N, C-alpha and C. Protein backbone atom coordinates (compact mmCIF):
# COMPACT_ATOMS: atom_id res chain seq x y z
N MET A 1 -27.33 -20.28 -4.59
CA MET A 1 -26.72 -18.97 -4.36
C MET A 1 -25.45 -19.29 -3.27
N ALA A 2 -25.93 -20.10 -2.31
CA ALA A 2 -24.92 -20.52 -1.08
C ALA A 2 -23.74 -21.22 -1.58
N ASP A 3 -23.93 -21.74 -2.75
CA ASP A 3 -22.73 -22.38 -3.32
C ASP A 3 -21.84 -21.54 -3.97
N GLN A 4 -22.29 -20.25 -4.60
CA GLN A 4 -21.47 -19.38 -5.19
C GLN A 4 -20.89 -18.25 -4.18
N VAL A 5 -21.35 -18.11 -3.11
CA VAL A 5 -20.82 -16.98 -2.24
C VAL A 5 -19.87 -17.77 -1.35
N GLY A 6 -18.61 -17.10 -1.12
CA GLY A 6 -17.61 -17.74 -0.06
C GLY A 6 -17.09 -19.07 -0.56
N GLU A 7 -17.23 -19.26 -1.77
CA GLU A 7 -16.52 -20.72 -2.27
C GLU A 7 -14.98 -20.49 -2.15
N GLY A 8 -14.52 -20.63 -1.06
CA GLY A 8 -12.96 -20.49 -1.13
C GLY A 8 -12.24 -21.68 -1.38
N ILE A 9 -11.38 -21.68 -2.39
CA ILE A 9 -10.69 -22.77 -2.81
C ILE A 9 -9.11 -22.76 -2.17
N ASP A 10 -8.62 -23.76 -1.68
CA ASP A 10 -7.11 -23.43 -1.18
C ASP A 10 -6.30 -23.91 -2.26
N ARG A 11 -4.99 -23.84 -1.97
CA ARG A 11 -4.08 -24.04 -2.99
C ARG A 11 -4.02 -25.56 -3.36
N ASP A 12 -4.71 -26.48 -2.58
CA ASP A 12 -4.61 -27.84 -2.92
C ASP A 12 -6.14 -27.96 -3.44
N GLY A 13 -6.83 -27.17 -4.04
CA GLY A 13 -8.09 -27.23 -4.53
C GLY A 13 -9.31 -27.58 -3.83
N GLU A 14 -9.08 -27.58 -2.39
CA GLU A 14 -10.21 -27.85 -1.47
C GLU A 14 -10.92 -26.84 -1.02
N ARG A 15 -12.00 -27.02 -0.52
CA ARG A 15 -12.99 -25.77 -0.32
C ARG A 15 -12.60 -25.74 1.11
N ALA A 16 -12.38 -24.60 1.80
CA ALA A 16 -12.02 -24.17 3.09
C ALA A 16 -13.47 -24.23 3.84
N GLY A 17 -13.55 -24.86 5.01
CA GLY A 17 -14.78 -25.14 5.66
C GLY A 17 -15.10 -23.69 6.32
N ALA A 18 -14.34 -23.03 6.80
CA ALA A 18 -15.01 -21.60 7.53
C ALA A 18 -15.47 -20.86 6.12
N ASP A 19 -14.97 -20.93 4.87
CA ASP A 19 -15.57 -20.10 3.83
C ASP A 19 -16.89 -20.61 3.70
N ARG A 20 -16.78 -21.88 3.55
CA ARG A 20 -18.28 -22.48 3.20
C ARG A 20 -19.35 -22.00 4.21
N GLU A 21 -19.08 -22.06 5.53
CA GLU A 21 -19.93 -21.44 6.53
C GLU A 21 -20.30 -20.16 6.44
N VAL A 22 -19.27 -19.19 6.17
CA VAL A 22 -19.58 -17.94 5.89
C VAL A 22 -20.19 -17.54 4.62
N GLY A 23 -19.94 -18.33 3.77
CA GLY A 23 -20.64 -18.14 2.35
C GLY A 23 -22.20 -18.40 2.60
N ALA A 24 -22.43 -19.48 3.24
CA ALA A 24 -23.96 -19.82 3.40
C ALA A 24 -24.73 -18.64 4.24
N ALA A 25 -23.73 -18.04 5.26
CA ALA A 25 -24.68 -17.10 5.99
C ALA A 25 -24.77 -15.97 5.29
N ASN A 26 -23.58 -15.38 4.47
CA ASN A 26 -23.58 -14.28 3.63
C ASN A 26 -24.80 -14.63 2.47
N ALA A 27 -24.95 -15.78 1.85
CA ALA A 27 -25.91 -16.00 0.83
C ALA A 27 -27.48 -15.83 1.42
N ASP A 28 -27.60 -16.24 2.66
CA ASP A 28 -29.14 -15.90 3.35
C ASP A 28 -29.18 -14.46 3.51
N HIS A 29 -28.09 -13.81 3.83
CA HIS A 29 -28.17 -12.49 4.20
C HIS A 29 -28.66 -11.67 2.87
N VAL A 30 -27.87 -12.04 1.85
CA VAL A 30 -28.10 -11.44 0.67
C VAL A 30 -29.50 -11.53 -0.01
N GLU A 31 -29.96 -12.81 0.46
CA GLU A 31 -31.31 -13.16 -0.18
C GLU A 31 -32.36 -12.17 0.81
N GLN A 32 -32.15 -12.17 1.94
CA GLN A 32 -33.06 -11.42 2.75
C GLN A 32 -32.95 -9.79 2.33
N GLN A 33 -31.81 -9.32 2.00
CA GLN A 33 -31.66 -7.93 1.56
C GLN A 33 -32.38 -7.66 0.19
N ARG A 34 -32.36 -8.70 -0.67
CA ARG A 34 -32.94 -8.75 -2.07
C ARG A 34 -34.52 -8.18 -1.92
N HIS A 35 -35.23 -8.88 -0.86
CA HIS A 35 -36.66 -8.65 -0.64
C HIS A 35 -36.85 -7.47 0.45
N ARG A 36 -35.83 -6.80 0.94
CA ARG A 36 -36.13 -5.60 1.69
C ARG A 36 -36.23 -4.44 0.93
N GLU A 37 -37.21 -3.67 1.33
CA GLU A 37 -37.48 -2.38 0.79
C GLU A 37 -36.63 -1.29 0.90
N ASP A 38 -36.50 -0.35 0.06
CA ASP A 38 -35.32 0.73 0.26
C ASP A 38 -35.77 1.63 1.27
N ARG A 39 -35.44 1.46 2.60
CA ARG A 39 -35.50 2.31 3.72
C ARG A 39 -34.56 2.33 4.63
N ALA A 40 -34.44 3.34 5.45
CA ALA A 40 -33.41 3.64 6.50
C ALA A 40 -33.59 2.31 7.51
N PRO A 41 -32.66 1.96 8.12
CA PRO A 41 -32.56 0.87 8.99
C PRO A 41 -33.29 1.72 10.34
N THR A 42 -33.78 0.69 11.11
CA THR A 42 -34.71 1.05 12.37
C THR A 42 -33.74 1.36 13.40
N ALA A 43 -34.00 1.80 14.34
CA ALA A 43 -33.09 2.13 15.58
C ALA A 43 -32.60 0.84 16.33
N ASP A 44 -33.46 -0.25 16.19
CA ASP A 44 -33.01 -1.57 16.56
C ASP A 44 -32.06 -2.07 15.68
N GLU A 45 -32.17 -2.13 14.51
CA GLU A 45 -31.21 -2.58 13.40
C GLU A 45 -29.91 -1.89 13.65
N ARG A 46 -29.90 -0.67 13.91
CA ARG A 46 -28.64 0.14 13.92
C ARG A 46 -27.76 -0.24 15.07
N GLN A 47 -28.63 -0.53 16.29
CA GLN A 47 -28.37 -1.00 17.70
C GLN A 47 -27.39 -2.29 17.57
N ARG A 48 -28.21 -3.29 16.85
CA ARG A 48 -27.71 -4.53 16.66
C ARG A 48 -26.53 -4.47 15.73
N LEU A 49 -26.59 -3.71 14.69
CA LEU A 49 -25.20 -3.69 13.82
C LEU A 49 -24.01 -3.08 14.69
N ARG A 50 -24.24 -2.10 15.54
CA ARG A 50 -23.41 -1.31 16.17
C ARG A 50 -22.58 -2.35 17.25
N LEU A 51 -23.59 -3.03 17.99
CA LEU A 51 -23.05 -4.09 18.89
C LEU A 51 -22.37 -5.10 18.27
N TRP A 52 -22.74 -5.62 16.99
CA TRP A 52 -22.06 -6.77 16.32
C TRP A 52 -20.64 -6.18 15.83
N LEU A 53 -20.65 -4.86 15.47
CA LEU A 53 -19.32 -4.52 14.76
C LEU A 53 -18.40 -4.38 15.96
N LYS A 54 -18.86 -3.93 17.08
CA LYS A 54 -17.97 -3.48 18.22
C LYS A 54 -17.31 -4.87 18.73
N ASP A 55 -18.29 -6.04 18.64
CA ASP A 55 -17.74 -7.22 19.31
C ASP A 55 -17.52 -8.63 18.38
N PHE A 56 -17.19 -8.01 17.32
CA PHE A 56 -17.01 -8.80 15.92
C PHE A 56 -15.58 -9.73 16.28
N ARG A 57 -15.75 -10.91 16.40
CA ARG A 57 -14.47 -11.91 16.64
C ARG A 57 -14.41 -12.82 15.74
N LEU A 58 -13.07 -13.10 15.49
CA LEU A 58 -12.60 -14.53 14.56
C LEU A 58 -11.79 -15.22 15.36
N ASP A 59 -11.96 -16.53 15.13
CA ASP A 59 -11.01 -17.43 15.81
C ASP A 59 -10.02 -17.85 14.49
N VAL A 60 -8.79 -17.55 15.16
CA VAL A 60 -7.54 -17.97 14.22
C VAL A 60 -7.16 -19.53 14.32
N THR A 61 -7.41 -20.09 13.50
CA THR A 61 -7.03 -21.60 13.32
C THR A 61 -5.91 -22.10 12.74
N GLY A 62 -5.06 -21.39 11.86
CA GLY A 62 -4.01 -21.63 11.33
C GLY A 62 -3.52 -20.44 10.38
N HIS A 63 -2.48 -20.83 9.45
CA HIS A 63 -2.14 -19.94 8.48
C HIS A 63 -1.91 -20.41 7.30
N ARG A 64 -1.93 -19.44 6.14
CA ARG A 64 -1.57 -20.29 4.82
C ARG A 64 -0.19 -20.30 4.69
N PRO A 65 0.51 -21.03 3.57
CA PRO A 65 1.83 -21.19 3.36
C PRO A 65 2.55 -19.76 2.82
N ILE A 66 3.80 -19.66 3.07
CA ILE A 66 4.46 -18.26 2.63
C ILE A 66 4.24 -18.01 1.18
N ALA A 67 4.05 -19.03 0.45
CA ALA A 67 3.97 -18.84 -1.01
C ALA A 67 2.48 -18.00 -1.29
N ALA A 68 1.66 -18.30 -0.26
CA ALA A 68 0.25 -17.48 -0.58
C ALA A 68 0.46 -16.13 0.44
N ALA A 69 1.55 -15.85 0.75
CA ALA A 69 1.60 -14.37 1.57
C ALA A 69 1.33 -13.26 0.83
N ILE A 70 0.67 -12.37 1.54
CA ILE A 70 0.36 -11.03 0.92
C ILE A 70 1.17 -10.07 1.11
N VAL A 71 1.67 -10.03 2.54
CA VAL A 71 2.54 -9.27 3.13
C VAL A 71 3.79 -9.85 3.73
N THR A 72 4.91 -9.34 3.62
CA THR A 72 6.14 -9.81 4.09
C THR A 72 6.47 -8.97 5.02
N ALA A 73 7.49 -9.53 6.07
CA ALA A 73 8.01 -8.85 7.12
C ALA A 73 9.71 -8.76 7.00
N GLY A 74 10.08 -7.75 7.48
CA GLY A 74 11.59 -7.41 7.44
C GLY A 74 11.81 -6.59 6.22
N GLY A 75 13.12 -6.16 6.16
CA GLY A 75 13.54 -5.06 4.90
C GLY A 75 14.67 -4.38 5.59
N VAL A 76 14.81 -3.06 4.69
CA VAL A 76 15.77 -2.17 5.20
C VAL A 76 15.41 -1.58 6.64
N ASP A 77 16.41 -1.57 7.44
CA ASP A 77 16.31 -0.92 8.86
C ASP A 77 15.98 0.62 8.56
N LEU A 78 15.02 0.99 9.14
CA LEU A 78 14.51 2.34 9.00
C LEU A 78 15.50 3.38 9.60
N ARG A 79 16.38 3.03 10.34
CA ARG A 79 17.51 4.01 10.90
C ARG A 79 18.48 4.15 9.91
N GLU A 80 18.54 3.33 8.74
CA GLU A 80 19.37 3.47 7.66
C GLU A 80 18.67 4.18 6.36
N VAL A 81 17.66 4.89 6.78
CA VAL A 81 16.91 5.64 5.72
C VAL A 81 16.62 6.81 6.14
N ASP A 82 16.82 7.96 5.57
CA ASP A 82 16.13 9.22 5.71
C ASP A 82 14.87 9.58 5.73
N PRO A 83 14.13 9.83 6.53
CA PRO A 83 12.52 9.71 6.59
C PRO A 83 12.15 10.86 5.64
N ARG A 84 12.87 11.88 5.71
CA ARG A 84 12.27 13.08 4.56
C ARG A 84 12.41 12.78 3.34
N THR A 85 13.16 11.68 2.76
CA THR A 85 13.42 11.72 1.31
C THR A 85 13.47 10.04 1.05
N LEU A 86 13.46 9.24 1.97
CA LEU A 86 13.62 7.77 1.92
C LEU A 86 14.98 7.40 1.11
N GLU A 87 15.93 8.37 1.25
CA GLU A 87 17.08 8.12 0.76
C GLU A 87 17.91 7.08 1.74
N SER A 88 18.77 6.41 1.18
CA SER A 88 19.69 5.51 1.95
C SER A 88 20.52 6.42 2.62
N ARG A 89 20.91 6.23 3.90
CA ARG A 89 21.98 6.95 4.65
C ARG A 89 23.27 6.31 4.48
N LEU A 90 23.47 5.18 3.85
CA LEU A 90 24.50 4.54 3.46
C LEU A 90 25.13 4.48 2.09
N VAL A 91 24.30 4.82 1.15
CA VAL A 91 24.39 4.96 -0.24
C VAL A 91 23.72 6.27 -0.79
N SER A 92 24.47 7.15 -1.28
CA SER A 92 23.85 8.22 -1.76
C SER A 92 22.93 8.15 -3.28
N GLY A 93 21.90 8.52 -3.19
CA GLY A 93 21.08 8.21 -4.39
C GLY A 93 20.21 7.11 -4.63
N LEU A 94 20.25 6.22 -3.62
CA LEU A 94 19.68 5.10 -3.63
C LEU A 94 18.40 5.35 -2.45
N TYR A 95 17.23 4.93 -3.11
CA TYR A 95 15.92 5.34 -2.42
C TYR A 95 15.13 3.94 -2.27
N PHE A 96 14.46 3.92 -0.96
CA PHE A 96 13.65 2.70 -0.75
C PHE A 96 12.18 3.08 -0.71
N ALA A 97 11.09 2.02 -1.06
CA ALA A 97 9.83 2.27 -0.99
C ALA A 97 9.18 0.94 -0.58
N GLY A 98 7.92 0.90 0.01
CA GLY A 98 7.30 -0.15 0.07
C GLY A 98 7.55 -1.29 1.02
N GLU A 99 7.47 -2.46 0.61
CA GLU A 99 7.97 -3.73 1.39
C GLU A 99 9.31 -3.95 1.39
N VAL A 100 10.15 -3.16 0.72
CA VAL A 100 11.50 -3.13 0.84
C VAL A 100 12.03 -2.79 2.24
N LEU A 101 11.27 -1.72 2.77
CA LEU A 101 11.41 -1.24 4.06
C LEU A 101 10.97 -2.16 5.08
N ASP A 102 11.46 -1.99 6.28
CA ASP A 102 10.99 -2.86 7.48
C ASP A 102 9.93 -2.21 7.93
N LEU A 103 9.01 -2.10 7.41
CA LEU A 103 7.50 -1.58 7.98
C LEU A 103 6.44 -2.77 8.03
N ASN A 104 5.86 -2.78 9.29
CA ASN A 104 4.72 -3.77 9.38
C ASN A 104 3.37 -3.13 9.84
N ALA A 105 2.51 -3.32 9.38
CA ALA A 105 1.06 -2.61 9.59
C ALA A 105 0.06 -3.79 9.47
N ASP A 106 -1.14 -3.39 10.24
CA ASP A 106 -2.21 -4.51 10.44
C ASP A 106 -2.84 -4.63 8.77
N THR A 107 -3.49 -5.66 8.64
CA THR A 107 -4.27 -5.84 7.30
C THR A 107 -5.32 -4.76 7.48
N GLY A 108 -5.63 -4.35 6.29
CA GLY A 108 -6.68 -3.44 6.01
C GLY A 108 -6.46 -2.34 4.98
N GLY A 109 -5.44 -2.36 4.29
CA GLY A 109 -4.82 -1.50 3.54
C GLY A 109 -3.81 -0.59 3.92
N TYR A 110 -3.21 -0.96 5.16
CA TYR A 110 -2.29 0.00 5.67
C TYR A 110 -0.92 -0.14 5.11
N ASN A 111 -0.56 -1.60 4.70
CA ASN A 111 0.60 -1.79 3.87
C ASN A 111 0.49 -1.15 2.46
N LEU A 112 -0.70 -1.32 1.78
CA LEU A 112 -0.75 -0.67 0.56
C LEU A 112 -0.58 0.81 0.69
N GLN A 113 -1.38 1.55 1.67
CA GLN A 113 -1.15 2.84 1.95
C GLN A 113 0.37 3.34 2.16
N ALA A 114 1.09 2.38 2.84
CA ALA A 114 2.46 2.65 3.24
C ALA A 114 3.42 2.51 1.91
N ALA A 115 2.88 1.50 0.83
CA ALA A 115 3.65 1.26 -0.25
C ALA A 115 3.52 2.45 -1.20
N PHE A 116 2.06 2.93 -1.40
CA PHE A 116 1.72 4.22 -2.08
C PHE A 116 2.61 5.52 -1.53
N SER A 117 2.64 5.73 -0.36
CA SER A 117 3.00 6.78 0.07
C SER A 117 4.57 7.01 0.40
N THR A 118 5.27 5.72 0.60
CA THR A 118 6.76 5.90 0.44
C THR A 118 7.22 5.90 -1.05
N GLY A 119 6.28 5.07 -1.93
CA GLY A 119 6.63 5.25 -3.26
C GLY A 119 6.73 6.51 -3.91
N TRP A 120 5.50 7.25 -3.49
CA TRP A 120 5.57 8.65 -3.96
C TRP A 120 6.64 9.54 -3.52
N LEU A 121 6.90 9.55 -2.29
CA LEU A 121 8.13 10.25 -1.65
C LEU A 121 9.40 9.86 -2.37
N ALA A 122 9.54 8.67 -2.34
CA ALA A 122 11.05 8.15 -2.68
C ALA A 122 10.97 8.64 -4.25
N GLY A 123 10.13 8.42 -5.08
CA GLY A 123 9.93 8.87 -6.41
C GLY A 123 10.21 10.57 -6.52
N ARG A 124 9.62 11.15 -5.69
CA ARG A 124 9.65 12.70 -5.87
C ARG A 124 11.25 13.01 -5.44
N SER A 125 11.63 12.33 -4.43
CA SER A 125 13.09 12.64 -3.84
C SER A 125 14.13 12.25 -4.88
N ALA A 126 14.01 11.18 -5.76
CA ALA A 126 14.74 10.70 -6.74
C ALA A 126 14.68 11.87 -7.74
N ALA A 127 13.45 12.10 -8.21
CA ALA A 127 13.38 12.97 -9.46
C ALA A 127 14.15 14.37 -8.96
N ARG A 128 13.94 14.72 -7.81
CA ARG A 128 14.50 15.97 -7.38
C ARG A 128 15.97 15.91 -7.40
N LEU A 129 16.58 14.78 -7.10
CA LEU A 129 18.05 14.79 -7.16
C LEU A 129 18.37 14.71 -8.57
N VAL A 130 17.66 13.95 -9.53
CA VAL A 130 18.18 13.92 -10.93
C VAL A 130 18.01 15.34 -11.39
N LEU A 131 16.99 16.17 -11.20
CA LEU A 131 16.77 17.40 -11.85
C LEU A 131 17.82 18.38 -11.25
N SER A 132 18.27 18.39 -9.99
CA SER A 132 19.14 18.96 -9.49
C SER A 132 20.58 18.90 -10.15
N ARG A 133 20.96 17.57 -10.41
CA ARG A 133 22.14 17.12 -10.96
C ARG A 133 22.29 17.76 -12.45
N SER A 134 21.20 17.50 -13.14
CA SER A 134 20.94 18.01 -14.42
C SER A 134 21.08 19.41 -14.46
N THR A 135 20.36 20.10 -13.60
CA THR A 135 20.57 21.63 -13.73
C THR A 135 22.07 22.09 -13.29
N ALA A 136 22.63 21.47 -12.41
CA ALA A 136 23.97 21.60 -11.90
C ALA A 136 25.03 21.42 -13.08
N ALA A 137 24.79 20.51 -14.06
CA ALA A 137 25.65 19.99 -15.07
C ALA A 137 25.60 21.09 -16.17
N LYS A 138 24.27 21.48 -16.36
CA LYS A 138 24.00 22.37 -17.37
C LYS A 138 24.62 23.74 -17.02
N ASN A 139 24.61 24.32 -15.87
CA ASN A 139 24.97 25.50 -15.41
C ASN A 139 26.54 25.35 -15.17
N SER A 140 27.40 24.18 -15.00
CA SER A 140 28.88 24.16 -14.77
C SER A 140 29.49 24.06 -16.33
N SER A 141 28.64 23.60 -17.31
CA SER A 141 29.24 23.55 -18.85
C SER A 141 29.08 24.70 -19.53
N LEU A 142 28.01 25.73 -19.22
CA LEU A 142 28.14 26.79 -19.92
C LEU A 142 28.56 28.07 -19.00
N SER A 143 29.01 29.04 -19.51
CA SER A 143 29.48 30.15 -18.90
C SER A 143 29.42 31.21 -19.67
N VAL A 144 29.24 32.52 -19.17
CA VAL A 144 29.13 33.70 -19.89
C VAL A 144 30.28 34.79 -19.65
N ARG A 145 31.08 35.04 -20.61
CA ARG A 145 32.33 35.86 -20.54
C ARG A 145 32.14 37.25 -21.17
N ARG A 146 32.45 38.17 -20.70
CA ARG A 146 32.60 39.50 -21.35
C ARG A 146 33.85 39.70 -22.29
N VAL A 147 33.78 39.81 -23.40
CA VAL A 147 35.23 40.03 -24.12
C VAL A 147 34.55 41.31 -25.00
N GLY A 148 35.49 42.29 -24.46
CA GLY A 148 35.38 43.71 -25.30
C GLY A 148 33.87 44.16 -25.55
N GLY A 149 33.12 43.96 -24.46
CA GLY A 149 31.85 44.45 -24.58
C GLY A 149 30.62 43.51 -25.37
N ALA A 150 31.21 42.46 -25.72
CA ALA A 150 30.39 41.47 -26.21
C ALA A 150 30.13 40.26 -25.27
N SER A 151 28.96 39.62 -25.19
CA SER A 151 28.97 38.29 -24.33
C SER A 151 29.03 37.02 -25.12
N LEU A 152 29.84 36.28 -24.85
CA LEU A 152 30.08 34.99 -25.37
C LEU A 152 29.58 33.58 -24.50
N THR A 153 28.89 32.79 -25.03
CA THR A 153 28.45 31.56 -24.37
C THR A 153 29.08 30.51 -24.91
N GLY A 154 29.52 29.52 -24.05
CA GLY A 154 29.90 28.19 -24.59
C GLY A 154 30.48 27.29 -23.49
N SER A 155 31.08 26.30 -23.92
CA SER A 155 31.70 25.32 -22.86
C SER A 155 32.87 25.81 -22.14
N ARG A 156 33.16 25.52 -20.92
CA ARG A 156 34.16 25.82 -20.12
C ARG A 156 35.43 25.21 -20.54
């Protein structure tokens, strides 16, 4: 089982050493949990978990190549974007969302949440613009005139 858990393969096809060590530790933990009865954790177990979580540390030893990047930095300057709609302040009708914007967040789903939220707002704002233009076009092409007591509807 230790061979299956955490078997990280890097871009060159080699196993990462840290992944191998974490995988072995996880495999031991999984094996212990498999034999554990379904019961609530003891006060001592909760205390150990709380202390471990509060003092969890990782040593950064390097980085992956940019080709393997999950999140990128940079993008459209937020001062050039209306935060209420995500419409460009420079080009009317142009909306931005996600990593096109110059947003940076910690790993842990924050960048995904920013992408989802900005995508929703930009899409909603763009749809409102299209609908308002469509309604305005319909209203401007039709008029109602009274001619001798009768109503006529048609193009201007």
